[in-house]
Amino acid sequence: MEFNSDKAIYLQIADYICDQIQMKKWKSNEKIPSVRELAVILEVNPNTVMRAYDHLQQQEIIYTKRGMGYFVNEHSSAKILKERKDQFLKEELPAIFRRMQMLGINSNELLSQLDYFNKTNV
């Protein structure tokens, strides 16, 4: 995994885990890799993975079973989708709208591009 410097590594790992859950690679109530296993896979310090797991436990995305490891919470996928959608609508979309305004792109041009995107990315 390649990390960028704009965001803490443990948060990028948390995003990676959320991606796995959203893509249904890791399903509800399914065991996920141990801290050490994921650290080896991602080539990071186990403490960094542990920090990501702690973060996701606080958000109730994953949970732990004593002596058995970490598991995906039942409604994690829906929760991740809602949080990511809210973040996009509140943070990313306004920046896109500002950029469109600067470039003089109107709503008709946007809808035309959206239609094209939808047709070519089925």
N, C-alpha and C. Protein backbone atom coordinates (compact mmCIF):
# COMPACT_ATOMS: atom_id res chain seq x y z
N MET A 1 0.85 -1.17 0.00
CA MET A 1 0.00 0.00 0.00
C MET A 1 0.89 1.23 0.00
N GLU A 2 0.56 2.17 -0.85
CA GLU A 2 1.31 3.43 -0.89
C GLU A 2 0.56 4.47 -0.07
N PHE A 3 1.28 5.11 0.82
CA PHE A 3 0.67 6.11 1.69
C PHE A 3 1.01 7.50 1.20
N ASN A 4 0.07 8.43 1.43
CA ASN A 4 0.35 9.82 1.09
C ASN A 4 0.60 10.60 2.37
N SER A 5 1.20 11.74 2.22
CA SER A 5 1.59 12.52 3.40
C SER A 5 0.50 13.48 3.88
N ASP A 6 -0.64 13.48 3.21
CA ASP A 6 -1.72 14.40 3.57
C ASP A 6 -2.54 13.94 4.76
N LYS A 7 -2.43 12.66 5.11
CA LYS A 7 -3.29 12.08 6.13
C LYS A 7 -2.48 11.09 6.95
N ALA A 8 -2.78 11.00 8.23
CA ALA A 8 -2.07 10.07 9.12
C ALA A 8 -2.18 8.64 8.57
N ILE A 9 -1.10 7.89 8.70
CA ILE A 9 -1.06 6.53 8.15
C ILE A 9 -2.14 5.64 8.78
N TYR A 10 -2.36 5.77 10.07
CA TYR A 10 -3.37 4.91 10.69
C TYR A 10 -4.76 5.19 10.13
N LEU A 11 -5.03 6.45 9.74
CA LEU A 11 -6.32 6.77 9.13
C LEU A 11 -6.41 6.23 7.70
N GLN A 12 -5.30 6.19 7.00
CA GLN A 12 -5.28 5.60 5.67
C GLN A 12 -5.50 4.08 5.76
N ILE A 13 -4.95 3.48 6.80
CA ILE A 13 -5.18 2.05 7.03
C ILE A 13 -6.66 1.81 7.38
N ALA A 14 -7.22 2.68 8.20
CA ALA A 14 -8.65 2.58 8.54
C ALA A 14 -9.50 2.69 7.26
N ASP A 15 -9.12 3.60 6.35
CA ASP A 15 -9.83 3.73 5.08
C ASP A 15 -9.71 2.45 4.26
N TYR A 16 -8.52 1.86 4.26
CA TYR A 16 -8.29 0.60 3.54
C TYR A 16 -9.22 -0.49 4.09
N ILE A 17 -9.33 -0.57 5.39
CA ILE A 17 -10.19 -1.57 6.03
C ILE A 17 -11.65 -1.31 5.65
N CYS A 18 -12.05 -0.05 5.69
CA CYS A 18 -13.42 0.31 5.30
C CYS A 18 -13.67 -0.04 3.83
N ASP A 19 -12.67 0.16 2.98
CA ASP A 19 -12.80 -0.22 1.57
C ASP A 19 -13.06 -1.72 1.45
N GLN A 20 -12.31 -2.52 2.21
CA GLN A 20 -12.48 -3.98 2.16
C GLN A 20 -13.89 -4.36 2.58
N ILE A 21 -14.42 -3.67 3.57
CA ILE A 21 -15.77 -3.96 4.07
C ILE A 21 -16.80 -3.54 3.03
N GLN A 22 -16.64 -2.34 2.46
CA GLN A 22 -17.60 -1.86 1.46
C GLN A 22 -17.59 -2.70 0.19
N MET A 23 -16.44 -3.22 -0.18
CA MET A 23 -16.34 -4.06 -1.38
C MET A 23 -16.74 -5.51 -1.08
N LYS A 24 -17.19 -5.75 0.15
CA LYS A 24 -17.66 -7.07 0.58
C LYS A 24 -16.55 -8.13 0.59
N LYS A 25 -15.30 -7.69 0.64
CA LYS A 25 -14.20 -8.64 0.77
C LYS A 25 -14.14 -9.15 2.22
N TRP A 26 -14.51 -8.26 3.16
CA TRP A 26 -14.63 -8.63 4.56
C TRP A 26 -16.08 -8.41 4.94
N LYS A 27 -16.79 -9.46 5.27
CA LYS A 27 -18.23 -9.41 5.49
C LYS A 27 -18.58 -9.29 6.97
N SER A 28 -19.83 -8.93 7.22
CA SER A 28 -20.35 -8.78 8.58
C SER A 28 -20.08 -10.02 9.41
N ASN A 29 -19.65 -9.79 10.62
CA ASN A 29 -19.35 -10.84 11.61
C ASN A 29 -18.24 -11.79 11.17
N GLU A 30 -17.49 -11.40 10.16
CA GLU A 30 -16.36 -12.20 9.67
C GLU A 30 -15.08 -11.72 10.33
N LYS A 31 -14.20 -12.66 10.63
CA LYS A 31 -12.90 -12.33 11.23
C LYS A 31 -12.04 -11.61 10.19
N ILE A 32 -11.34 -10.58 10.63
CA ILE A 32 -10.43 -9.85 9.75
C ILE A 32 -8.99 -10.19 10.15
N PRO A 33 -8.02 -9.84 9.33
CA PRO A 33 -6.63 -10.18 9.69
C PRO A 33 -6.24 -9.62 11.05
N SER A 34 -5.37 -10.35 11.72
CA SER A 34 -4.86 -9.89 13.00
C SER A 34 -4.02 -8.64 12.78
N VAL A 35 -3.70 -7.97 13.85
CA VAL A 35 -2.86 -6.77 13.77
C VAL A 35 -1.54 -7.10 13.07
N ARG A 36 -0.92 -8.18 13.49
CA ARG A 36 0.37 -8.57 12.91
C ARG A 36 0.24 -8.95 11.44
N GLU A 37 -0.80 -9.71 11.12
CA GLU A 37 -1.00 -10.11 9.72
C GLU A 37 -1.18 -8.89 8.81
N LEU A 38 -2.01 -7.95 9.23
CA LEU A 38 -2.25 -6.77 8.41
C LEU A 38 -1.00 -5.90 8.33
N ALA A 39 -0.25 -5.84 9.42
CA ALA A 39 1.00 -5.06 9.41
C ALA A 39 1.97 -5.63 8.38
N VAL A 40 2.05 -6.94 8.28
CA VAL A 40 2.92 -7.58 7.29
C VAL A 40 2.40 -7.30 5.88
N ILE A 41 1.10 -7.45 5.67
CA ILE A 41 0.50 -7.21 4.36
C ILE A 41 0.76 -5.78 3.89
N LEU A 42 0.57 -4.82 4.79
CA LEU A 42 0.69 -3.41 4.42
C LEU A 42 2.10 -2.85 4.61
N GLU A 43 2.98 -3.68 5.18
CA GLU A 43 4.37 -3.29 5.42
C GLU A 43 4.47 -2.05 6.32
N VAL A 44 3.78 -2.12 7.46
CA VAL A 44 3.81 -1.05 8.44
C VAL A 44 4.06 -1.65 9.83
N ASN A 45 4.30 -0.77 10.77
CA ASN A 45 4.50 -1.18 12.15
C ASN A 45 3.17 -1.69 12.73
N PRO A 46 3.18 -2.80 13.47
CA PRO A 46 1.94 -3.30 14.08
C PRO A 46 1.25 -2.27 14.97
N ASN A 47 2.02 -1.38 15.60
CA ASN A 47 1.40 -0.35 16.44
C ASN A 47 0.51 0.59 15.63
N THR A 48 0.89 0.82 14.38
CA THR A 48 0.10 1.69 13.50
C THR A 48 -1.22 1.00 13.14
N VAL A 49 -1.16 -0.30 12.87
CA VAL A 49 -2.38 -1.06 12.59
C VAL A 49 -3.26 -1.09 13.83
N MET A 50 -2.64 -1.29 15.00
CA MET A 50 -3.41 -1.31 16.24
C MET A 50 -4.15 0.01 16.45
N ARG A 51 -3.49 1.09 16.11
CA ARG A 51 -4.13 2.41 16.24
C ARG A 51 -5.33 2.52 15.30
N ALA A 52 -5.20 2.00 14.07
CA ALA A 52 -6.31 1.99 13.12
C ALA A 52 -7.46 1.13 13.65
N TYR A 53 -7.13 -0.05 14.21
CA TYR A 53 -8.16 -0.93 14.76
C TYR A 53 -8.87 -0.25 15.94
N ASP A 54 -8.11 0.41 16.81
CA ASP A 54 -8.73 1.13 17.93
C ASP A 54 -9.69 2.21 17.42
N HIS A 55 -9.25 2.93 16.41
CA HIS A 55 -10.07 3.98 15.80
C HIS A 55 -11.38 3.40 15.27
N LEU A 56 -11.29 2.27 14.56
CA LEU A 56 -12.48 1.66 13.98
C LEU A 56 -13.38 1.02 15.04
N GLN A 57 -12.79 0.56 16.13
CA GLN A 57 -13.61 0.05 17.24
C GLN A 57 -14.41 1.17 17.87
N GLN A 58 -13.79 2.34 18.03
CA GLN A 58 -14.50 3.49 18.59
C GLN A 58 -15.67 3.91 17.70
N GLN A 59 -15.51 3.71 16.39
CA GLN A 59 -16.58 4.05 15.45
C GLN A 59 -17.58 2.91 15.28
N GLU A 60 -17.35 1.81 15.97
CA GLU A 60 -18.19 0.61 15.92
C GLU A 60 -18.25 0.00 14.52
N ILE A 61 -17.13 0.07 13.81
CA ILE A 61 -16.99 -0.57 12.50
C ILE A 61 -16.52 -2.02 12.69
N ILE A 62 -15.62 -2.21 13.65
CA ILE A 62 -15.14 -3.55 13.98
C ILE A 62 -15.29 -3.76 15.48
N TYR A 63 -15.23 -5.01 15.90
CA TYR A 63 -15.26 -5.34 17.31
C TYR A 63 -14.30 -6.48 17.58
N THR A 64 -13.99 -6.68 18.83
CA THR A 64 -13.06 -7.74 19.19
C THR A 64 -13.77 -8.80 20.02
N LYS A 65 -13.36 -10.04 19.80
CA LYS A 65 -13.78 -11.15 20.65
C LYS A 65 -12.53 -11.58 21.38
N ARG A 66 -12.57 -11.51 22.67
CA ARG A 66 -11.40 -11.81 23.48
C ARG A 66 -10.79 -13.17 23.10
N GLY A 67 -9.52 -13.12 22.77
CA GLY A 67 -8.79 -14.33 22.43
C GLY A 67 -9.03 -14.86 21.02
N MET A 68 -9.93 -14.21 20.29
CA MET A 68 -10.25 -14.69 18.94
C MET A 68 -9.86 -13.71 17.84
N GLY A 69 -9.79 -12.43 18.18
CA GLY A 69 -9.40 -11.45 17.18
C GLY A 69 -10.46 -10.42 16.91
N TYR A 70 -10.33 -9.79 15.74
CA TYR A 70 -11.22 -8.70 15.33
C TYR A 70 -12.20 -9.16 14.27
N PHE A 71 -13.41 -8.61 14.34
CA PHE A 71 -14.49 -8.98 13.45
C PHE A 71 -15.20 -7.73 12.94
N VAL A 72 -15.86 -7.85 11.79
CA VAL A 72 -16.62 -6.75 11.20
C VAL A 72 -17.98 -6.67 11.87
N ASN A 73 -18.35 -5.49 12.34
CA ASN A 73 -19.67 -5.29 12.92
C ASN A 73 -20.75 -5.50 11.86
N GLU A 74 -21.93 -5.88 12.30
CA GLU A 74 -23.01 -6.28 11.39
C GLU A 74 -23.43 -5.19 10.41
N HIS A 75 -23.55 -3.96 10.83
CA HIS A 75 -24.05 -2.90 9.95
C HIS A 75 -22.95 -1.94 9.52
N SER A 76 -21.72 -2.43 9.52
CA SER A 76 -20.57 -1.58 9.19
C SER A 76 -20.63 -1.01 7.79
N SER A 77 -21.00 -1.82 6.82
CA SER A 77 -21.01 -1.38 5.43
C SER A 77 -21.95 -0.18 5.25
N ALA A 78 -23.13 -0.26 5.81
CA ALA A 78 -24.11 0.83 5.70
C ALA A 78 -23.61 2.07 6.45
N LYS A 79 -22.99 1.85 7.59
CA LYS A 79 -22.46 2.97 8.38
C LYS A 79 -21.32 3.67 7.63
N ILE A 80 -20.44 2.89 7.03
CA ILE A 80 -19.32 3.46 6.26
C ILE A 80 -19.86 4.25 5.08
N LEU A 81 -20.84 3.68 4.37
CA LEU A 81 -21.43 4.36 3.22
C LEU A 81 -22.04 5.69 3.63
N LYS A 82 -22.78 5.71 4.71
CA LYS A 82 -23.41 6.95 5.18
C LYS A 82 -22.36 8.00 5.54
N GLU A 83 -21.33 7.59 6.28
CA GLU A 83 -20.30 8.54 6.69
C GLU A 83 -19.52 9.08 5.49
N ARG A 84 -19.20 8.21 4.54
CA ARG A 84 -18.46 8.65 3.36
C ARG A 84 -19.32 9.55 2.47
N LYS A 85 -20.59 9.23 2.37
CA LYS A 85 -21.50 10.04 1.57
C LYS A 85 -21.64 11.43 2.20
N ASP A 86 -21.84 11.48 3.51
CA ASP A 86 -21.93 12.76 4.22
C ASP A 86 -20.67 13.59 4.03
N GLN A 87 -19.51 12.95 4.15
CA GLN A 87 -18.23 13.65 3.97
C GLN A 87 -18.12 14.21 2.56
N PHE A 88 -18.50 13.41 1.57
CA PHE A 88 -18.43 13.87 0.18
C PHE A 88 -19.33 15.08 -0.03
N LEU A 89 -20.57 14.99 0.45
CA LEU A 89 -21.53 16.08 0.24
C LEU A 89 -21.14 17.36 0.98
N LYS A 90 -20.54 17.22 2.15
CA LYS A 90 -20.21 18.39 2.97
C LYS A 90 -18.84 18.98 2.68
N GLU A 91 -17.87 18.14 2.26
CA GLU A 91 -16.51 18.61 2.10
C GLU A 91 -16.02 18.63 0.65
N GLU A 92 -16.21 17.53 -0.04
CA GLU A 92 -15.64 17.42 -1.39
C GLU A 92 -16.48 18.11 -2.45
N LEU A 93 -17.79 17.95 -2.41
CA LEU A 93 -18.66 18.53 -3.42
C LEU A 93 -18.61 20.06 -3.43
N PRO A 94 -18.63 20.73 -2.27
CA PRO A 94 -18.51 22.19 -2.32
C PRO A 94 -17.22 22.66 -3.00
N ALA A 95 -16.13 21.93 -2.80
CA ALA A 95 -14.86 22.29 -3.46
C ALA A 95 -14.99 22.11 -4.97
N ILE A 96 -15.68 21.07 -5.39
CA ILE A 96 -15.90 20.84 -6.82
C ILE A 96 -16.77 21.97 -7.39
N PHE A 97 -17.81 22.34 -6.66
CA PHE A 97 -18.68 23.43 -7.12
C PHE A 97 -17.92 24.75 -7.25
N ARG A 98 -17.04 25.03 -6.29
CA ARG A 98 -16.24 26.27 -6.36
C ARG A 98 -15.35 26.24 -7.60
N ARG A 99 -14.74 25.10 -7.85
CA ARG A 99 -13.87 24.95 -9.02
C ARG A 99 -14.67 25.11 -10.32
N MET A 100 -15.86 24.53 -10.36
CA MET A 100 -16.73 24.67 -11.53
C MET A 100 -17.08 26.14 -11.77
N GLN A 101 -17.38 26.83 -10.68
CA GLN A 101 -17.73 28.24 -10.79
C GLN A 101 -16.56 29.05 -11.33
N MET A 102 -15.36 28.75 -10.84
CA MET A 102 -14.15 29.43 -11.32
C MET A 102 -13.93 29.19 -12.81
N LEU A 103 -14.24 27.98 -13.25
CA LEU A 103 -14.01 27.61 -14.65
C LEU A 103 -15.19 27.94 -15.56
N GLY A 104 -16.27 28.41 -14.98
CA GLY A 104 -17.43 28.78 -15.77
C GLY A 104 -18.20 27.57 -16.31
N ILE A 105 -18.16 26.48 -15.58
CA ILE A 105 -18.88 25.27 -15.99
C ILE A 105 -20.29 25.35 -15.41
N ASN A 106 -21.29 25.28 -16.28
CA ASN A 106 -22.67 25.39 -15.81
C ASN A 106 -23.28 24.01 -15.57
N SER A 107 -24.49 24.00 -15.03
CA SER A 107 -25.13 22.74 -14.67
C SER A 107 -25.45 21.88 -15.89
N ASN A 108 -25.75 22.49 -17.03
CA ASN A 108 -26.01 21.71 -18.25
C ASN A 108 -24.77 20.95 -18.68
N GLU A 109 -23.61 21.59 -18.62
CA GLU A 109 -22.35 20.94 -18.98
C GLU A 109 -22.06 19.79 -18.01
N LEU A 110 -22.32 20.03 -16.75
CA LEU A 110 -22.11 19.00 -15.73
C LEU A 110 -23.01 17.80 -15.99
N LEU A 111 -24.29 18.05 -16.23
CA LEU A 111 -25.23 16.95 -16.47
C LEU A 111 -24.87 16.19 -17.74
N SER A 112 -24.39 16.89 -18.75
CA SER A 112 -23.96 16.24 -19.98
C SER A 112 -22.80 15.30 -19.71
N GLN A 113 -21.84 15.75 -18.92
CA GLN A 113 -20.69 14.90 -18.57
C GLN A 113 -21.11 13.73 -17.69
N LEU A 114 -22.06 13.96 -16.79
CA LEU A 114 -22.57 12.89 -15.94
C LEU A 114 -23.27 11.82 -16.78
N ASP A 115 -24.07 12.25 -17.75
CA ASP A 115 -24.73 11.30 -18.66
C ASP A 115 -23.69 10.48 -19.42
N TYR A 116 -22.67 11.15 -19.93
CA TYR A 116 -21.61 10.46 -20.67
C TYR A 116 -20.89 9.45 -19.76
N PHE A 117 -20.59 9.89 -18.56
CA PHE A 117 -19.92 9.00 -17.59
C PHE A 117 -20.77 7.76 -17.32
N ASN A 118 -22.06 7.97 -17.07
CA ASN A 118 -22.95 6.86 -16.77
C ASN A 118 -23.07 5.88 -17.93
N LYS A 119 -23.02 6.39 -19.17
CA LYS A 119 -23.14 5.52 -20.35
C LYS A 119 -21.86 4.73 -20.57
N THR A 120 -20.73 5.32 -20.29
CA THR A 120 -19.45 4.67 -20.59
C THR A 120 -18.91 3.83 -19.43
N ASN A 121 -19.49 3.97 -18.26
CA ASN A 121 -19.00 3.24 -17.08
C ASN A 121 -20.07 2.33 -16.49
N VAL A 122 -20.72 1.59 -17.35
CA VAL A 122 -21.79 0.71 -16.90
C VAL A 122 -21.24 -0.53 -16.27
